[in-house]
Amino acid sequence: MASPEPFVPALRFHALTRAYDRVLALSLDEERHKRALVEQASLAPGMDVLDLGCGTGTLTLALKRHQPAARVTGLDLDPEALGIARRKAEDAGAELTFVQGSATEPPLVAGSFDRVLTSLMLHHLVREQKQRCLRAAWALLRPGGELHILDWGRAQDPLMALAFLPVRVLDGLAPTRDNARGNLPELLREAGFADVAVTRSARTVFGSLAFLRGTRPAS
């Protein structure tokens, strides 16, 4: 039996997973930024939506609340984070599907989603993993489907570059390099996405957040 793929917990250390929601709420104004990402995705009734690397399920739950008539799935490799996500969904009375699996090799049916969203996950992956993850997202989308990303991006100024340093030290210089250099749009295009755009950016105490969008061409 193959060993499960190793992963980095949301705050790098397993002992901090339970504190993840509190840390993001206090430091990043998480609810506001994730609400903006959800609104950017323009969900419609009947859509199949995937939260790729869903962690503790905050975005997954926000997607369902925004569009109750959508079918929403969250996928993550971390069983402890998924346990928290399932409890949050149960407490909210939300009908969500959670699947344990890797974002680079998701155990899901190709071409089965209208929207794929991912939030603050890609910067944990080194370039080769990012490339595999984005190719997997492309494959999971139906033609005309869209990928929407919220993650760290190129610093808007020296102050934001300095603010990003603690994140880079915590999560690793190699995984965060493409984020710091603003390479995510290029990686989306390499994975086959069209109409790639950085739709907005936001200043935070830990650096610049970037919102991105890409489309799987209809043909």
N, C-alpha and C. Protein backbone atom coordinates (compact mmCIF):
# COMPACT_ATOMS: atom_id res chain seq x y z
N MET A 1 0.85 -1.20 0.00
CA MET A 1 0.00 0.00 0.00
C MET A 1 0.88 1.24 0.00
N ALA A 2 0.61 2.19 -0.93
CA ALA A 2 1.45 3.38 -1.06
C ALA A 2 1.29 4.28 0.14
N SER A 3 2.39 4.93 0.51
CA SER A 3 2.34 5.87 1.62
C SER A 3 1.62 7.13 1.16
N PRO A 4 0.84 7.76 2.06
CA PRO A 4 0.18 8.99 1.67
C PRO A 4 1.18 10.09 1.37
N GLU A 5 0.84 10.96 0.42
CA GLU A 5 1.73 12.06 0.05
C GLU A 5 1.93 12.98 1.25
N PRO A 6 3.17 13.40 1.53
CA PRO A 6 3.40 14.31 2.65
C PRO A 6 2.78 15.67 2.35
N PHE A 7 2.42 16.39 3.39
CA PHE A 7 1.83 17.71 3.19
C PHE A 7 2.27 18.62 4.32
N VAL A 8 2.16 19.91 4.06
CA VAL A 8 2.47 20.92 5.06
C VAL A 8 1.17 21.43 5.64
N PRO A 9 0.95 21.33 6.95
CA PRO A 9 -0.28 21.85 7.55
C PRO A 9 -0.43 23.34 7.31
N ALA A 10 -1.64 23.85 7.50
CA ALA A 10 -1.97 25.24 7.16
C ALA A 10 -1.01 26.25 7.79
N LEU A 11 -0.62 26.04 9.04
CA LEU A 11 0.34 26.92 9.71
C LEU A 11 1.68 26.22 9.92
N ARG A 12 1.97 25.27 9.04
CA ARG A 12 3.23 24.51 8.98
C ARG A 12 3.35 23.43 10.03
N PHE A 13 2.82 23.66 11.24
CA PHE A 13 2.96 22.68 12.31
C PHE A 13 1.58 22.13 12.68
N HIS A 14 1.49 20.81 12.84
CA HIS A 14 0.20 20.16 13.13
C HIS A 14 -0.46 20.74 14.38
N ALA A 15 0.33 21.08 15.38
CA ALA A 15 -0.23 21.58 16.64
C ALA A 15 -0.97 22.90 16.46
N LEU A 16 -0.70 23.62 15.34
CA LEU A 16 -1.32 24.92 15.13
C LEU A 16 -2.58 24.87 14.26
N THR A 17 -2.93 23.69 13.75
CA THR A 17 -4.06 23.58 12.84
C THR A 17 -5.35 24.09 13.47
N ARG A 18 -5.56 23.75 14.74
CA ARG A 18 -6.80 24.17 15.40
C ARG A 18 -6.87 25.68 15.57
N ALA A 19 -5.72 26.35 15.53
CA ALA A 19 -5.69 27.81 15.68
C ALA A 19 -5.79 28.54 14.35
N TYR A 20 -5.84 27.80 13.23
CA TYR A 20 -5.76 28.41 11.91
C TYR A 20 -6.86 29.44 11.67
N ASP A 21 -8.10 29.08 11.94
CA ASP A 21 -9.20 30.00 11.69
C ASP A 21 -9.05 31.28 12.50
N ARG A 22 -8.66 31.13 13.75
CA ARG A 22 -8.52 32.31 14.62
C ARG A 22 -7.40 33.22 14.13
N VAL A 23 -6.28 32.62 13.72
CA VAL A 23 -5.14 33.40 13.25
C VAL A 23 -5.52 34.21 12.01
N LEU A 24 -6.17 33.57 11.03
CA LEU A 24 -6.54 34.27 9.81
C LEU A 24 -7.60 35.34 10.07
N ALA A 25 -8.54 35.05 10.95
CA ALA A 25 -9.58 36.03 11.26
C ALA A 25 -8.97 37.29 11.88
N LEU A 26 -7.97 37.11 12.74
CA LEU A 26 -7.39 38.25 13.44
C LEU A 26 -6.37 39.00 12.59
N SER A 27 -5.66 38.29 11.72
CA SER A 27 -4.53 38.92 11.03
C SER A 27 -4.82 39.35 9.60
N LEU A 28 -5.75 38.68 8.91
CA LEU A 28 -5.91 38.92 7.48
C LEU A 28 -7.29 39.43 7.07
N ASP A 29 -8.20 39.62 8.02
CA ASP A 29 -9.57 39.97 7.65
C ASP A 29 -10.08 38.95 6.63
N GLU A 30 -9.92 37.68 7.00
CA GLU A 30 -10.17 36.56 6.09
C GLU A 30 -11.56 36.59 5.48
N GLU A 31 -12.56 36.89 6.30
CA GLU A 31 -13.94 36.84 5.80
C GLU A 31 -14.15 37.80 4.63
N ARG A 32 -13.61 39.00 4.74
CA ARG A 32 -13.79 39.99 3.67
C ARG A 32 -13.12 39.54 2.37
N HIS A 33 -11.90 39.04 2.47
CA HIS A 33 -11.19 38.64 1.26
C HIS A 33 -11.82 37.40 0.62
N LYS A 34 -12.23 36.46 1.42
CA LYS A 34 -12.85 35.26 0.84
C LYS A 34 -14.23 35.57 0.28
N ARG A 35 -14.94 36.52 0.89
CA ARG A 35 -16.22 36.94 0.32
C ARG A 35 -16.00 37.56 -1.06
N ALA A 36 -14.93 38.34 -1.21
CA ALA A 36 -14.62 38.94 -2.51
C ALA A 36 -14.29 37.86 -3.54
N LEU A 37 -13.58 36.81 -3.12
CA LEU A 37 -13.27 35.72 -4.03
C LEU A 37 -14.53 34.99 -4.46
N VAL A 38 -15.43 34.74 -3.52
CA VAL A 38 -16.70 34.07 -3.83
C VAL A 38 -17.51 34.90 -4.82
N GLU A 39 -17.59 36.19 -4.58
CA GLU A 39 -18.35 37.06 -5.49
C GLU A 39 -17.72 37.09 -6.87
N GLN A 40 -16.39 37.05 -6.93
CA GLN A 40 -15.70 37.03 -8.22
C GLN A 40 -16.08 35.80 -9.05
N ALA A 41 -16.35 34.68 -8.39
CA ALA A 41 -16.62 33.42 -9.09
C ALA A 41 -17.98 33.39 -9.78
N SER A 42 -18.88 34.31 -9.45
CA SER A 42 -20.20 34.41 -10.11
C SER A 42 -20.91 33.06 -10.17
N LEU A 43 -21.18 32.50 -9.01
CA LEU A 43 -21.85 31.20 -8.94
C LEU A 43 -23.30 31.31 -9.38
N ALA A 44 -23.81 30.22 -9.93
CA ALA A 44 -25.20 30.16 -10.37
C ALA A 44 -25.82 28.87 -9.82
N PRO A 45 -27.15 28.83 -9.68
CA PRO A 45 -27.82 27.61 -9.21
C PRO A 45 -27.47 26.42 -10.09
N GLY A 46 -27.25 25.28 -9.45
CA GLY A 46 -26.97 24.05 -10.18
C GLY A 46 -25.53 23.84 -10.54
N MET A 47 -24.68 24.81 -10.26
CA MET A 47 -23.25 24.64 -10.57
C MET A 47 -22.61 23.61 -9.64
N ASP A 48 -21.58 22.95 -10.16
CA ASP A 48 -20.72 22.10 -9.34
C ASP A 48 -19.44 22.89 -9.06
N VAL A 49 -19.14 23.05 -7.77
CA VAL A 49 -18.07 23.95 -7.34
C VAL A 49 -17.11 23.18 -6.44
N LEU A 50 -15.80 23.38 -6.67
CA LEU A 50 -14.77 22.71 -5.88
C LEU A 50 -13.91 23.74 -5.17
N ASP A 51 -13.74 23.54 -3.87
CA ASP A 51 -12.76 24.29 -3.07
C ASP A 51 -11.53 23.41 -2.96
N LEU A 52 -10.49 23.73 -3.74
CA LEU A 52 -9.29 22.90 -3.86
C LEU A 52 -8.30 23.27 -2.77
N GLY A 53 -7.99 22.30 -1.89
CA GLY A 53 -7.17 22.61 -0.73
C GLY A 53 -7.98 23.37 0.28
N CYS A 54 -9.13 22.82 0.65
CA CYS A 54 -10.15 23.55 1.41
C CYS A 54 -9.77 23.80 2.86
N GLY A 55 -8.77 23.08 3.39
CA GLY A 55 -8.38 23.28 4.78
C GLY A 55 -9.55 23.07 5.73
N THR A 56 -9.80 24.06 6.59
CA THR A 56 -10.84 23.92 7.61
C THR A 56 -12.23 24.30 7.09
N GLY A 57 -12.35 24.53 5.79
CA GLY A 57 -13.67 24.66 5.18
C GLY A 57 -14.33 26.03 5.24
N THR A 58 -13.58 27.07 5.60
CA THR A 58 -14.18 28.40 5.67
C THR A 58 -14.70 28.86 4.31
N LEU A 59 -13.88 28.72 3.27
CA LEU A 59 -14.31 29.11 1.94
C LEU A 59 -15.41 28.18 1.42
N THR A 60 -15.29 26.89 1.69
CA THR A 60 -16.30 25.91 1.25
C THR A 60 -17.67 26.31 1.76
N LEU A 61 -17.74 26.63 3.04
CA LEU A 61 -19.00 27.02 3.66
C LEU A 61 -19.49 28.35 3.10
N ALA A 62 -18.58 29.29 2.85
CA ALA A 62 -18.97 30.58 2.27
C ALA A 62 -19.56 30.42 0.88
N LEU A 63 -19.02 29.49 0.10
CA LEU A 63 -19.55 29.23 -1.24
C LEU A 63 -21.00 28.72 -1.16
N LYS A 64 -21.26 27.82 -0.25
CA LYS A 64 -22.61 27.26 -0.12
C LYS A 64 -23.58 28.32 0.39
N ARG A 65 -23.14 29.14 1.30
CA ARG A 65 -24.02 30.19 1.82
C ARG A 65 -24.34 31.21 0.74
N HIS A 66 -23.35 31.49 -0.11
CA HIS A 66 -23.56 32.47 -1.18
C HIS A 66 -24.51 31.95 -2.24
N GLN A 67 -24.39 30.65 -2.56
CA GLN A 67 -25.26 30.05 -3.58
C GLN A 67 -25.74 28.69 -3.08
N PRO A 68 -26.82 28.67 -2.28
CA PRO A 68 -27.30 27.42 -1.69
C PRO A 68 -27.68 26.35 -2.72
N ALA A 69 -28.00 26.78 -3.95
CA ALA A 69 -28.41 25.81 -4.97
C ALA A 69 -27.23 25.24 -5.75
N ALA A 70 -26.02 25.58 -5.36
CA ALA A 70 -24.83 24.97 -5.97
C ALA A 70 -24.44 23.72 -5.19
N ARG A 71 -23.79 22.79 -5.87
CA ARG A 71 -23.25 21.59 -5.24
C ARG A 71 -21.77 21.86 -4.95
N VAL A 72 -21.41 21.91 -3.68
CA VAL A 72 -20.07 22.36 -3.29
C VAL A 72 -19.28 21.22 -2.64
N THR A 73 -18.07 21.03 -3.12
CA THR A 73 -17.16 19.99 -2.61
C THR A 73 -15.88 20.65 -2.12
N GLY A 74 -15.36 20.17 -1.01
CA GLY A 74 -14.07 20.60 -0.52
C GLY A 74 -13.09 19.44 -0.52
N LEU A 75 -11.87 19.68 -1.01
CA LEU A 75 -10.86 18.63 -1.06
C LEU A 75 -9.61 19.09 -0.33
N ASP A 76 -9.07 18.23 0.53
CA ASP A 76 -7.84 18.55 1.24
C ASP A 76 -7.15 17.26 1.64
N LEU A 77 -5.84 17.35 1.81
CA LEU A 77 -5.06 16.18 2.18
C LEU A 77 -4.95 15.98 3.69
N ASP A 78 -5.23 17.04 4.44
CA ASP A 78 -5.03 17.02 5.89
C ASP A 78 -6.28 16.51 6.60
N PRO A 79 -6.23 15.33 7.21
CA PRO A 79 -7.43 14.77 7.86
C PRO A 79 -7.91 15.60 9.05
N GLU A 80 -6.99 16.22 9.77
CA GLU A 80 -7.42 17.03 10.91
C GLU A 80 -8.17 18.27 10.45
N ALA A 81 -7.66 18.93 9.42
CA ALA A 81 -8.36 20.10 8.88
C ALA A 81 -9.73 19.71 8.34
N LEU A 82 -9.81 18.56 7.66
CA LEU A 82 -11.10 18.10 7.14
C LEU A 82 -12.08 17.80 8.27
N GLY A 83 -11.58 17.28 9.37
CA GLY A 83 -12.45 17.03 10.52
C GLY A 83 -13.06 18.32 11.03
N ILE A 84 -12.26 19.38 11.10
CA ILE A 84 -12.77 20.69 11.51
C ILE A 84 -13.80 21.18 10.50
N ALA A 85 -13.50 21.02 9.21
CA ALA A 85 -14.42 21.47 8.16
C ALA A 85 -15.76 20.75 8.24
N ARG A 86 -15.73 19.46 8.47
CA ARG A 86 -16.99 18.70 8.56
C ARG A 86 -17.82 19.14 9.76
N ARG A 87 -17.15 19.40 10.88
CA ARG A 87 -17.88 19.87 12.07
C ARG A 87 -18.50 21.24 11.83
N LYS A 88 -17.77 22.12 11.16
CA LYS A 88 -18.31 23.43 10.86
C LYS A 88 -19.54 23.34 9.95
N ALA A 89 -19.47 22.46 8.96
CA ALA A 89 -20.61 22.28 8.06
C ALA A 89 -21.81 21.70 8.80
N GLU A 90 -21.56 20.74 9.66
CA GLU A 90 -22.64 20.13 10.45
C GLU A 90 -23.28 21.16 11.37
N ASP A 91 -22.46 21.98 12.02
CA ASP A 91 -22.99 23.00 12.91
C ASP A 91 -23.83 24.03 12.16
N ALA A 92 -23.44 24.30 10.91
CA ALA A 92 -24.17 25.28 10.10
C ALA A 92 -25.36 24.68 9.37
N GLY A 93 -25.51 23.35 9.44
CA GLY A 93 -26.59 22.70 8.71
C GLY A 93 -26.42 22.79 7.21
N ALA A 94 -25.16 22.83 6.74
CA ALA A 94 -24.87 22.98 5.32
C ALA A 94 -24.56 21.63 4.69
N GLU A 95 -25.14 21.37 3.54
CA GLU A 95 -24.91 20.11 2.82
C GLU A 95 -23.68 20.27 1.93
N LEU A 96 -22.55 19.81 2.42
CA LEU A 96 -21.29 19.91 1.70
C LEU A 96 -20.66 18.53 1.60
N THR A 97 -19.86 18.33 0.56
CA THR A 97 -19.12 17.09 0.39
C THR A 97 -17.64 17.38 0.62
N PHE A 98 -17.01 16.57 1.48
CA PHE A 98 -15.58 16.73 1.72
C PHE A 98 -14.87 15.44 1.33
N VAL A 99 -13.75 15.60 0.62
CA VAL A 99 -12.98 14.48 0.11
C VAL A 99 -11.54 14.65 0.53
N GLN A 100 -10.94 13.58 1.04
CA GLN A 100 -9.52 13.63 1.38
C GLN A 100 -8.70 13.24 0.16
N GLY A 101 -7.76 14.09 -0.19
CA GLY A 101 -6.91 13.80 -1.34
C GLY A 101 -6.01 14.97 -1.66
N SER A 102 -5.05 14.74 -2.52
CA SER A 102 -4.05 15.73 -2.88
C SER A 102 -4.56 16.66 -3.97
N ALA A 103 -4.23 17.94 -3.86
CA ALA A 103 -4.58 18.91 -4.89
C ALA A 103 -3.80 18.67 -6.17
N THR A 104 -2.68 17.97 -6.09
CA THR A 104 -1.89 17.68 -7.29
C THR A 104 -2.37 16.43 -8.02
N GLU A 105 -3.07 15.54 -7.30
CA GLU A 105 -3.65 14.33 -7.90
C GLU A 105 -5.02 14.10 -7.28
N PRO A 106 -5.97 14.97 -7.54
CA PRO A 106 -7.27 14.88 -6.88
C PRO A 106 -8.04 13.63 -7.30
N PRO A 107 -8.60 12.89 -6.34
CA PRO A 107 -9.37 11.68 -6.65
C PRO A 107 -10.80 12.03 -7.04
N LEU A 108 -10.94 12.83 -8.08
CA LEU A 108 -12.24 13.33 -8.54
C LEU A 108 -12.35 13.13 -10.04
N VAL A 109 -13.56 13.14 -10.53
CA VAL A 109 -13.82 12.87 -11.95
C VAL A 109 -13.47 14.08 -12.80
N ALA A 110 -12.69 13.87 -13.83
CA ALA A 110 -12.31 14.96 -14.73
C ALA A 110 -13.55 15.57 -15.39
N GLY A 111 -13.49 16.87 -15.61
CA GLY A 111 -14.57 17.56 -16.30
C GLY A 111 -15.88 17.59 -15.54
N SER A 112 -15.82 17.62 -14.22
CA SER A 112 -17.06 17.54 -13.43
C SER A 112 -17.38 18.81 -12.65
N PHE A 113 -16.62 19.89 -12.86
CA PHE A 113 -16.88 21.12 -12.10
C PHE A 113 -16.99 22.33 -13.03
N ASP A 114 -17.85 23.26 -12.62
CA ASP A 114 -18.02 24.52 -13.34
C ASP A 114 -17.09 25.60 -12.79
N ARG A 115 -16.76 25.48 -11.53
CA ARG A 115 -15.86 26.43 -10.89
C ARG A 115 -14.92 25.66 -9.96
N VAL A 116 -13.65 26.04 -9.98
CA VAL A 116 -12.68 25.58 -8.99
C VAL A 116 -12.12 26.83 -8.32
N LEU A 117 -12.13 26.85 -7.00
CA LEU A 117 -11.55 27.96 -6.24
C LEU A 117 -10.49 27.41 -5.31
N THR A 118 -9.49 28.22 -5.04
CA THR A 118 -8.48 27.84 -4.07
C THR A 118 -7.98 29.09 -3.36
N SER A 119 -7.80 28.97 -2.06
CA SER A 119 -7.44 30.12 -1.24
C SER A 119 -6.26 29.79 -0.32
N LEU A 120 -5.19 30.56 -0.45
CA LEU A 120 -4.02 30.45 0.42
C LEU A 120 -3.48 29.02 0.54
N MET A 121 -3.46 28.34 -0.59
CA MET A 121 -2.94 26.97 -0.65
C MET A 121 -1.71 26.87 -1.56
N LEU A 122 -1.74 27.56 -2.70
CA LEU A 122 -0.68 27.39 -3.68
C LEU A 122 0.69 27.78 -3.16
N HIS A 123 0.75 28.73 -2.24
CA HIS A 123 2.07 29.17 -1.77
C HIS A 123 2.76 28.12 -0.89
N HIS A 124 2.04 27.04 -0.54
CA HIS A 124 2.66 25.94 0.20
C HIS A 124 3.38 24.97 -0.75
N LEU A 125 3.17 25.11 -2.06
CA LEU A 125 3.67 24.15 -3.03
C LEU A 125 4.88 24.68 -3.76
N VAL A 126 5.88 23.84 -3.97
CA VAL A 126 7.00 24.22 -4.82
C VAL A 126 6.53 24.26 -6.27
N ARG A 127 7.35 24.80 -7.16
CA ARG A 127 6.88 25.07 -8.53
C ARG A 127 6.33 23.82 -9.21
N GLU A 128 7.03 22.71 -9.13
CA GLU A 128 6.55 21.49 -9.81
C GLU A 128 5.19 21.07 -9.28
N GLN A 129 4.98 21.22 -7.98
CA GLN A 129 3.68 20.89 -7.40
C GLN A 129 2.61 21.89 -7.83
N LYS A 130 2.97 23.16 -7.89
CA LYS A 130 2.04 24.17 -8.40
C LYS A 130 1.59 23.82 -9.81
N GLN A 131 2.55 23.45 -10.64
CA GLN A 131 2.23 23.11 -12.03
C GLN A 131 1.28 21.92 -12.10
N ARG A 132 1.54 20.90 -11.29
CA ARG A 132 0.66 19.73 -11.28
C ARG A 132 -0.72 20.09 -10.76
N CYS A 133 -0.76 20.92 -9.74
CA CYS A 133 -2.03 21.34 -9.16
C CYS A 133 -2.87 22.11 -10.18
N LEU A 134 -2.26 23.04 -10.89
CA LEU A 134 -2.99 23.85 -11.87
C LEU A 134 -3.43 23.01 -13.06
N ARG A 135 -2.62 22.06 -13.48
CA ARG A 135 -3.04 21.16 -14.56
C ARG A 135 -4.22 20.30 -14.11
N ALA A 136 -4.18 19.88 -12.84
CA ALA A 136 -5.29 19.09 -12.29
C ALA A 136 -6.56 19.92 -12.23
N ALA A 137 -6.45 21.18 -11.83
CA ALA A 137 -7.62 22.06 -11.78
C ALA A 137 -8.21 22.24 -13.18
N TRP A 138 -7.34 22.42 -14.17
CA TRP A 138 -7.80 22.55 -15.56
C TRP A 138 -8.58 21.30 -15.99
N ALA A 139 -8.04 20.14 -15.64
CA ALA A 139 -8.68 18.88 -16.03
C ALA A 139 -10.02 18.67 -15.33
N LEU A 140 -10.16 19.16 -14.12
CA LEU A 140 -11.40 18.99 -13.37
C LEU A 140 -12.52 19.88 -13.88
N LEU A 141 -12.18 20.95 -14.57
CA LEU A 141 -13.18 21.89 -15.05
C LEU A 141 -13.84 21.41 -16.35
N ARG A 142 -15.10 21.73 -16.48
CA ARG A 142 -15.78 21.54 -17.76
C ARG A 142 -15.31 22.64 -18.72
N PRO A 143 -15.41 22.42 -20.02
CA PRO A 143 -15.07 23.50 -20.96
C PRO A 143 -15.88 24.75 -20.64
N GLY A 144 -15.19 25.87 -20.58
CA GLY A 144 -15.83 27.12 -20.21
C GLY A 144 -15.83 27.38 -18.71
N GLY A 145 -15.39 26.39 -17.93
CA GLY A 145 -15.33 26.56 -16.48
C GLY A 145 -14.19 27.47 -16.07
N GLU A 146 -14.24 27.93 -14.83
CA GLU A 146 -13.30 28.95 -14.38
C GLU A 146 -12.57 28.53 -13.10
N LEU A 147 -11.31 28.95 -13.02
CA LEU A 147 -10.51 28.81 -11.80
C LEU A 147 -10.36 30.19 -11.18
N HIS A 148 -10.58 30.27 -9.87
CA HIS A 148 -10.44 31.53 -9.13
C HIS A 148 -9.50 31.31 -7.95
N ILE A 149 -8.52 32.18 -7.81
CA ILE A 149 -7.44 32.01 -6.83
C ILE A 149 -7.32 33.24 -5.95
N LEU A 150 -7.13 32.99 -4.67
CA LEU A 150 -6.71 34.02 -3.71
C LEU A 150 -5.44 33.51 -3.04
N ASP A 151 -4.35 34.22 -3.24
CA ASP A 151 -3.09 33.79 -2.63
C ASP A 151 -2.12 34.97 -2.60
N TRP A 152 -0.97 34.74 -2.01
CA TRP A 152 0.04 35.79 -1.95
C TRP A 152 0.55 36.09 -3.35
N GLY A 153 0.78 37.40 -3.62
CA GLY A 153 1.28 37.81 -4.92
C GLY A 153 2.47 38.74 -4.79
N ARG A 154 2.87 39.31 -5.91
CA ARG A 154 4.01 40.22 -5.93
C ARG A 154 3.73 41.42 -5.03
N ALA A 155 4.70 41.80 -4.24
CA ALA A 155 4.54 42.94 -3.33
C ALA A 155 4.28 44.22 -4.11
N GLN A 156 3.37 45.03 -3.61
CA GLN A 156 3.05 46.30 -4.27
C GLN A 156 4.10 47.37 -4.03
N ASP A 157 4.90 47.20 -2.98
CA ASP A 157 5.93 48.17 -2.65
C ASP A 157 6.90 47.52 -1.65
N PRO A 158 8.02 48.18 -1.32
CA PRO A 158 8.99 47.58 -0.39
C PRO A 158 8.41 47.22 0.97
N LEU A 159 7.43 47.98 1.45
CA LEU A 159 6.84 47.67 2.74
C LEU A 159 6.11 46.33 2.69
N MET A 160 5.39 46.09 1.60
CA MET A 160 4.68 44.82 1.46
C MET A 160 5.67 43.67 1.29
N ALA A 161 6.79 43.91 0.63
CA ALA A 161 7.83 42.87 0.49
C ALA A 161 8.39 42.51 1.85
N LEU A 162 8.62 43.53 2.69
CA LEU A 162 9.12 43.28 4.03
C LEU A 162 8.08 42.54 4.88
N ALA A 163 6.81 42.90 4.73
CA ALA A 163 5.75 42.25 5.49
C ALA A 163 5.61 40.77 5.12
N PHE A 164 5.97 40.44 3.89
CA PHE A 164 5.83 39.06 3.41
C PHE A 164 6.94 38.14 3.92
N LEU A 165 8.03 38.72 4.41
CA LEU A 165 9.17 37.90 4.83
C LEU A 165 8.82 36.87 5.90
N PRO A 166 8.05 37.20 6.95
CA PRO A 166 7.71 36.16 7.94
C PRO A 166 6.96 34.97 7.33
N VAL A 167 6.08 35.24 6.37
CA VAL A 167 5.36 34.16 5.70
C VAL A 167 6.35 33.29 4.92
N ARG A 168 7.29 33.92 4.24
CA ARG A 168 8.26 33.18 3.46
C ARG A 168 9.15 32.31 4.35
N VAL A 169 9.52 32.85 5.51
CA VAL A 169 10.34 32.07 6.45
C VAL A 169 9.53 30.90 7.00
N LEU A 170 8.27 31.15 7.36
CA LEU A 170 7.43 30.10 7.94
C LEU A 170 7.11 29.00 6.93
N ASP A 171 6.74 29.41 5.72
CA ASP A 171 6.26 28.43 4.73
C ASP A 171 7.34 27.97 3.76
N GLY A 172 8.51 28.59 3.81
CA GLY A 172 9.62 28.15 2.97
C GLY A 172 9.88 29.09 1.80
N LEU A 173 11.16 29.38 1.56
CA LEU A 173 11.51 30.28 0.46
C LEU A 173 11.19 29.67 -0.90
N ALA A 174 11.41 28.37 -1.06
CA ALA A 174 11.16 27.73 -2.36
C ALA A 174 9.67 27.72 -2.71
N PRO A 175 8.78 27.30 -1.81
CA PRO A 175 7.35 27.29 -2.16
C PRO A 175 6.80 28.69 -2.44
N THR A 176 7.29 29.70 -1.73
CA THR A 176 6.72 31.05 -1.87
C THR A 176 7.39 31.88 -2.96
N ARG A 177 8.41 31.33 -3.61
CA ARG A 177 9.19 32.12 -4.58
C ARG A 177 8.34 32.61 -5.75
N ASP A 178 7.56 31.73 -6.34
CA ASP A 178 6.74 32.14 -7.49
C ASP A 178 5.68 33.15 -7.09
N ASN A 179 5.16 33.04 -5.88
CA ASN A 179 4.22 34.04 -5.41
C ASN A 179 4.89 35.40 -5.29
N ALA A 180 6.06 35.42 -4.63
CA ALA A 180 6.77 36.68 -4.41
C ALA A 180 7.17 37.34 -5.73
N ARG A 181 7.45 36.54 -6.75
CA ARG A 181 7.89 37.08 -8.04
C ARG A 181 6.71 37.39 -8.97
N GLY A 182 5.49 37.10 -8.52
CA GLY A 182 4.32 37.38 -9.35
C GLY A 182 4.18 36.45 -10.53
N ASN A 183 4.61 35.19 -10.37
CA ASN A 183 4.62 34.24 -11.49
C ASN A 183 3.33 33.43 -11.66
N LEU A 184 2.36 33.61 -10.77
CA LEU A 184 1.16 32.76 -10.86
C LEU A 184 0.43 32.91 -12.20
N PRO A 185 0.26 34.13 -12.75
CA PRO A 185 -0.41 34.20 -14.06
C PRO A 185 0.29 33.38 -15.14
N GLU A 186 1.62 33.43 -15.15
CA GLU A 186 2.39 32.65 -16.12
C GLU A 186 2.14 31.15 -15.94
N LEU A 187 2.07 30.70 -14.70
CA LEU A 187 1.84 29.27 -14.44
C LEU A 187 0.44 28.86 -14.86
N LEU A 188 -0.53 29.74 -14.70
CA LEU A 188 -1.89 29.44 -15.16
C LEU A 188 -1.92 29.27 -16.67
N ARG A 189 -1.25 30.16 -17.38
CA ARG A 189 -1.22 30.05 -18.85
C ARG A 189 -0.52 28.78 -19.29
N GLU A 190 0.57 28.42 -18.62
CA GLU A 190 1.28 27.18 -18.95
C GLU A 190 0.38 25.96 -18.75
N ALA A 191 -0.53 26.03 -17.78
CA ALA A 191 -1.43 24.90 -17.50
C ALA A 191 -2.59 24.83 -18.49
N GLY A 192 -2.71 25.81 -19.37
CA GLY A 192 -3.75 25.78 -20.40
C GLY A 192 -4.88 26.76 -20.21
N PHE A 193 -4.83 27.57 -19.16
CA PHE A 193 -5.91 28.51 -18.91
C PHE A 193 -5.83 29.71 -19.85
N ALA A 194 -6.99 30.20 -20.24
CA ALA A 194 -7.11 31.39 -21.08
C ALA A 194 -7.71 32.53 -20.26
N ASP A 195 -7.66 33.72 -20.84
CA ASP A 195 -8.24 34.92 -20.19
C ASP A 195 -7.71 35.07 -18.76
N VAL A 196 -6.43 34.78 -18.57
CA VAL A 196 -5.82 34.85 -17.24
C VAL A 196 -5.66 36.32 -16.83
N ALA A 197 -6.05 36.63 -15.61
CA ALA A 197 -5.94 38.01 -15.14
C ALA A 197 -5.77 38.05 -13.64
N VAL A 198 -4.99 39.02 -13.18
CA VAL A 198 -4.98 39.38 -11.77
C VAL A 198 -6.07 40.43 -11.62
N THR A 199 -7.14 40.07 -10.97
CA THR A 199 -8.32 40.93 -10.94
C THR A 199 -8.23 42.04 -9.90
N ARG A 200 -7.48 41.80 -8.85
CA ARG A 200 -7.31 42.82 -7.81
C ARG A 200 -6.19 42.39 -6.87
N SER A 201 -5.74 43.31 -6.04
CA SER A 201 -4.77 42.97 -5.00
C SER A 201 -5.18 43.68 -3.72
N ALA A 202 -4.69 43.18 -2.60
CA ALA A 202 -5.07 43.73 -1.30
C ALA A 202 -3.85 43.76 -0.39
N ARG A 203 -3.65 44.85 0.29
CA ARG A 203 -2.57 45.00 1.25
C ARG A 203 -2.99 44.37 2.58
N THR A 204 -2.08 43.62 3.20
CA THR A 204 -2.34 43.03 4.51
C THR A 204 -1.10 43.19 5.38
N VAL A 205 -1.21 42.83 6.64
CA VAL A 205 -0.05 42.93 7.55
C VAL A 205 1.02 41.90 7.19
N PHE A 206 0.70 40.91 6.34
CA PHE A 206 1.68 39.90 5.95
C PHE A 206 2.01 39.95 4.47
N GLY A 207 1.72 41.06 3.82
CA GLY A 207 2.07 41.19 2.41
C GLY A 207 0.87 41.37 1.52
N SER A 208 1.10 41.28 0.22
CA SER A 208 0.06 41.55 -0.78
C SER A 208 -0.67 40.28 -1.19
N LEU A 209 -1.99 40.32 -1.08
CA LEU A 209 -2.82 39.22 -1.58
C LEU A 209 -3.21 39.52 -3.03
N ALA A 210 -3.21 38.48 -3.86
CA ALA A 210 -3.60 38.62 -5.26
C ALA A 210 -4.83 37.77 -5.55
N PHE A 211 -5.75 38.32 -6.31
CA PHE A 211 -6.92 37.59 -6.80
C PHE A 211 -6.69 37.32 -8.28
N LEU A 212 -6.84 36.07 -8.69
CA LEU A 212 -6.61 35.70 -10.09
C LEU A 212 -7.80 34.93 -10.63
N ARG A 213 -7.89 34.96 -11.96
CA ARG A 213 -8.95 34.23 -12.65
C ARG A 213 -8.38 33.64 -13.94
N GLY A 214 -8.82 32.42 -14.27
CA GLY A 214 -8.47 31.80 -15.54
C GLY A 214 -9.62 30.93 -16.00
N THR A 215 -9.73 30.72 -17.31
CA THR A 215 -10.84 29.97 -17.89
C THR A 215 -10.32 28.79 -18.69
N ARG A 216 -10.97 27.64 -18.54
CA ARG A 216 -10.69 26.52 -19.46
C ARG A 216 -11.43 26.81 -20.75
N PRO A 217 -10.72 26.92 -21.85
CA PRO A 217 -11.40 27.27 -23.12
C PRO A 217 -12.53 26.30 -23.45
N ALA A 218 -13.55 26.84 -24.08
CA ALA A 218 -14.72 26.03 -24.42
C ALA A 218 -14.42 25.01 -25.52
N SER A 219 -13.37 25.22 -26.26
CA SER A 219 -13.03 24.25 -27.31
C SER A 219 -11.52 24.20 -27.50
